Each structure stands twice: as C-alpha cells, then as structure tokens.
Amino acid sequence: IKPGAVVMDVGINRLDSGKVVGDVDYAGAAKRAAYITPVPGGVGPMTVATLIQNTLQACEDYHDTSAQ
C-alpha cells in the first residue's frame, strides 16, 4: 500500500471465532493509508442502498409499458 492511499475494504469474512473481518489487514494498512474503511461498519450500508436502487430501477424498466 502506497503511503497516503485510500483503502476501501469491501470483503466480508467470518473467522472460526465468529469475528467478521475484511480482506485487508486493517492494522497494517492503517499505518500507511491516509484513509481506510473498517469491516464491519464501512461500506456495507452503501452497498445495500445501491443494490436496492438497482433492484427498483430494474423493476421499473421491466414494467415500463410506454416502449411497447
């Protein structure tokens, strides 16, 4: 990781202990990155919002009868 980089961890992994972690070694990356998203508590809500938005758009497109 380059010094000053922005790291967005979007991975979700559950350890045998039950702890949820991302794909990035947070402690190690935080030493070099200017910003880093945590897991959990990072980009998850934005991912959910985008999935809902895309689902609604697909539904609207599917039921659009003006093109028929």
N, C-alpha and C. Protein backbone atom coordinates (compact mmCIF):
# COMPACT_ATOMS: atom_id res chain seq x y z
N ILE A 1 0.85 -1.18 0.00
CA ILE A 1 0.00 0.00 0.00
C ILE A 1 0.89 1.23 0.00
N LYS A 2 0.63 2.12 -0.95
CA LYS A 2 1.41 3.35 -1.03
C LYS A 2 1.05 4.27 0.13
N PRO A 3 2.03 4.98 0.67
CA PRO A 3 1.72 5.95 1.73
C PRO A 3 0.70 6.97 1.23
N GLY A 4 -0.31 7.23 2.05
CA GLY A 4 -1.33 8.19 1.70
C GLY A 4 -2.48 7.64 0.87
N ALA A 5 -2.45 6.34 0.57
CA ALA A 5 -3.50 5.73 -0.24
C ALA A 5 -4.84 5.71 0.50
N VAL A 6 -5.91 5.59 -0.25
CA VAL A 6 -7.24 5.38 0.30
C VAL A 6 -7.59 3.91 0.09
N VAL A 7 -7.91 3.20 1.16
CA VAL A 7 -8.19 1.77 1.08
C VAL A 7 -9.66 1.53 1.42
N MET A 8 -10.38 0.96 0.47
CA MET A 8 -11.79 0.63 0.69
C MET A 8 -11.91 -0.89 0.74
N ASP A 9 -12.10 -1.41 1.93
CA ASP A 9 -12.22 -2.86 2.13
C ASP A 9 -13.68 -3.25 2.00
N VAL A 10 -14.01 -3.99 0.96
CA VAL A 10 -15.39 -4.42 0.74
C VAL A 10 -15.58 -5.91 1.00
N GLY A 11 -14.53 -6.58 1.46
CA GLY A 11 -14.61 -8.01 1.74
C GLY A 11 -15.33 -8.29 3.05
N ILE A 12 -16.01 -9.42 3.11
CA ILE A 12 -16.68 -9.87 4.33
C ILE A 12 -16.27 -11.32 4.57
N ASN A 13 -15.63 -11.56 5.68
CA ASN A 13 -15.19 -12.91 6.04
C ASN A 13 -15.49 -13.15 7.51
N ARG A 14 -15.93 -14.35 7.83
CA ARG A 14 -16.17 -14.71 9.22
C ARG A 14 -15.11 -15.73 9.64
N LEU A 15 -14.36 -15.38 10.67
CA LEU A 15 -13.34 -16.27 11.19
C LEU A 15 -13.99 -17.40 11.99
N ASP A 16 -13.23 -18.46 12.26
CA ASP A 16 -13.74 -19.57 13.06
C ASP A 16 -14.23 -19.09 14.43
N SER A 17 -13.64 -18.01 14.92
CA SER A 17 -14.03 -17.45 16.21
C SER A 17 -15.37 -16.72 16.13
N GLY A 18 -15.87 -16.48 14.91
CA GLY A 18 -17.12 -15.76 14.72
C GLY A 18 -16.93 -14.30 14.40
N LYS A 19 -15.71 -13.80 14.53
CA LYS A 19 -15.43 -12.39 14.26
C LYS A 19 -15.53 -12.12 12.75
N VAL A 20 -16.14 -10.98 12.40
CA VAL A 20 -16.26 -10.57 11.00
C VAL A 20 -15.10 -9.64 10.67
N VAL A 21 -14.39 -9.95 9.59
CA VAL A 21 -13.24 -9.15 9.16
C VAL A 21 -13.32 -8.94 7.65
N GLY A 22 -12.53 -8.01 7.16
CA GLY A 22 -12.46 -7.75 5.73
C GLY A 22 -11.32 -8.52 5.09
N ASP A 23 -10.99 -8.15 3.86
CA ASP A 23 -9.89 -8.77 3.13
C ASP A 23 -8.54 -8.11 3.42
N VAL A 24 -8.59 -6.91 3.98
CA VAL A 24 -7.37 -6.12 4.21
C VAL A 24 -6.93 -6.26 5.66
N ASP A 25 -5.62 -6.38 5.88
CA ASP A 25 -5.06 -6.34 7.24
C ASP A 25 -5.19 -4.90 7.73
N TYR A 26 -6.26 -4.63 8.46
CA TYR A 26 -6.59 -3.26 8.86
C TYR A 26 -5.45 -2.60 9.63
N ALA A 27 -4.91 -3.28 10.61
CA ALA A 27 -3.85 -2.68 11.44
C ALA A 27 -2.62 -2.34 10.60
N GLY A 28 -2.24 -3.23 9.71
CA GLY A 28 -1.09 -2.98 8.86
C GLY A 28 -1.34 -1.89 7.84
N ALA A 29 -2.50 -1.92 7.21
CA ALA A 29 -2.83 -0.94 6.18
C ALA A 29 -3.00 0.45 6.77
N ALA A 30 -3.55 0.53 7.98
CA ALA A 30 -3.79 1.83 8.61
C ALA A 30 -2.50 2.59 8.88
N LYS A 31 -1.39 1.88 8.97
CA LYS A 31 -0.10 2.54 9.20
C LYS A 31 0.36 3.33 7.98
N ARG A 32 -0.10 2.95 6.78
CA ARG A 32 0.35 3.60 5.55
C ARG A 32 -0.75 4.39 4.85
N ALA A 33 -1.97 3.96 5.00
CA ALA A 33 -3.09 4.60 4.29
C ALA A 33 -3.50 5.90 4.95
N ALA A 34 -3.93 6.85 4.12
CA ALA A 34 -4.47 8.11 4.65
C ALA A 34 -5.87 7.86 5.22
N TYR A 35 -6.64 7.00 4.54
CA TYR A 35 -7.99 6.65 4.96
C TYR A 35 -8.20 5.16 4.70
N ILE A 36 -8.97 4.52 5.57
CA ILE A 36 -9.29 3.10 5.37
C ILE A 36 -10.68 2.84 5.94
N THR A 37 -11.47 2.05 5.21
CA THR A 37 -12.81 1.72 5.70
C THR A 37 -12.72 0.48 6.59
N PRO A 38 -13.43 0.50 7.71
CA PRO A 38 -13.41 -0.66 8.60
C PRO A 38 -14.39 -1.74 8.14
N VAL A 39 -14.20 -2.94 8.63
CA VAL A 39 -15.15 -4.04 8.44
C VAL A 39 -15.32 -4.71 9.79
N PRO A 40 -16.54 -4.79 10.31
CA PRO A 40 -17.77 -4.21 9.78
C PRO A 40 -17.84 -2.71 10.06
N GLY A 41 -18.86 -2.08 9.51
CA GLY A 41 -19.08 -0.66 9.75
C GLY A 41 -18.55 0.26 8.67
N GLY A 42 -18.18 -0.30 7.54
CA GLY A 42 -17.61 0.52 6.47
C GLY A 42 -18.60 0.79 5.36
N VAL A 43 -18.36 0.19 4.20
CA VAL A 43 -19.15 0.49 3.01
C VAL A 43 -20.41 -0.35 2.87
N GLY A 44 -20.68 -1.24 3.80
CA GLY A 44 -21.85 -2.12 3.73
C GLY A 44 -23.16 -1.41 3.50
N PRO A 45 -23.47 -0.36 4.28
CA PRO A 45 -24.74 0.34 4.06
C PRO A 45 -24.86 0.94 2.66
N MET A 46 -23.76 1.40 2.10
CA MET A 46 -23.78 1.96 0.75
C MET A 46 -24.02 0.85 -0.27
N THR A 47 -23.45 -0.32 -0.03
CA THR A 47 -23.67 -1.47 -0.91
C THR A 47 -25.14 -1.85 -0.92
N VAL A 48 -25.75 -1.91 0.26
CA VAL A 48 -27.17 -2.27 0.36
C VAL A 48 -28.03 -1.22 -0.35
N ALA A 49 -27.75 0.05 -0.12
CA ALA A 49 -28.53 1.12 -0.76
C ALA A 49 -28.43 1.03 -2.29
N THR A 50 -27.25 0.75 -2.80
CA THR A 50 -27.06 0.64 -4.25
C THR A 50 -27.79 -0.58 -4.80
N LEU A 51 -27.76 -1.70 -4.08
CA LEU A 51 -28.49 -2.88 -4.53
C LEU A 51 -29.99 -2.62 -4.58
N ILE A 52 -30.52 -1.93 -3.57
CA ILE A 52 -31.95 -1.60 -3.56
C ILE A 52 -32.28 -0.67 -4.73
N GLN A 53 -31.44 0.33 -4.95
CA GLN A 53 -31.65 1.27 -6.06
C GLN A 53 -31.67 0.53 -7.40
N ASN A 54 -30.71 -0.36 -7.60
CA ASN A 54 -30.64 -1.11 -8.86
C ASN A 54 -31.83 -2.04 -9.02
N THR A 55 -32.29 -2.66 -7.92
CA THR A 55 -33.45 -3.54 -7.98
C THR A 55 -34.70 -2.76 -8.37
N LEU A 56 -34.90 -1.60 -7.75
CA LEU A 56 -36.05 -0.77 -8.09
C LEU A 56 -36.00 -0.29 -9.55
N GLN A 57 -34.82 0.08 -10.00
CA GLN A 57 -34.66 0.52 -11.39
C GLN A 57 -34.98 -0.62 -12.36
N ALA A 58 -34.51 -1.82 -12.04
CA ALA A 58 -34.79 -2.97 -12.90
C ALA A 58 -36.28 -3.27 -12.93
N CYS A 59 -36.94 -3.15 -11.79
CA CYS A 59 -38.39 -3.37 -11.73
C CYS A 59 -39.14 -2.34 -12.57
N GLU A 60 -38.74 -1.08 -12.44
CA GLU A 60 -39.36 -0.02 -13.24
C GLU A 60 -39.14 -0.25 -14.73
N ASP A 61 -37.92 -0.62 -15.09
CA ASP A 61 -37.62 -0.88 -16.51
C ASP A 61 -38.43 -2.07 -17.03
N TYR A 62 -38.57 -3.10 -16.22
CA TYR A 62 -39.31 -4.30 -16.63
C TYR A 62 -40.78 -3.99 -16.86
N HIS A 63 -41.35 -3.16 -16.00
CA HIS A 63 -42.78 -2.87 -16.07
C HIS A 63 -43.11 -1.63 -16.91
N ASP A 64 -42.12 -1.05 -17.54
CA ASP A 64 -42.34 0.13 -18.38
C ASP A 64 -43.05 -0.30 -19.66
N THR A 65 -44.30 0.11 -19.80
CA THR A 65 -45.08 -0.28 -20.98
C THR A 65 -45.09 0.81 -22.05
N SER A 66 -44.49 1.96 -21.77
CA SER A 66 -44.50 3.05 -22.75
C SER A 66 -43.70 2.70 -24.00
N ALA A 67 -42.75 1.79 -23.90
CA ALA A 67 -41.93 1.41 -25.04
C ALA A 67 -42.61 0.34 -25.89
N GLN A 68 -43.71 -0.22 -25.42
CA GLN A 68 -44.38 -1.31 -26.14
C GLN A 68 -45.49 -0.80 -27.01
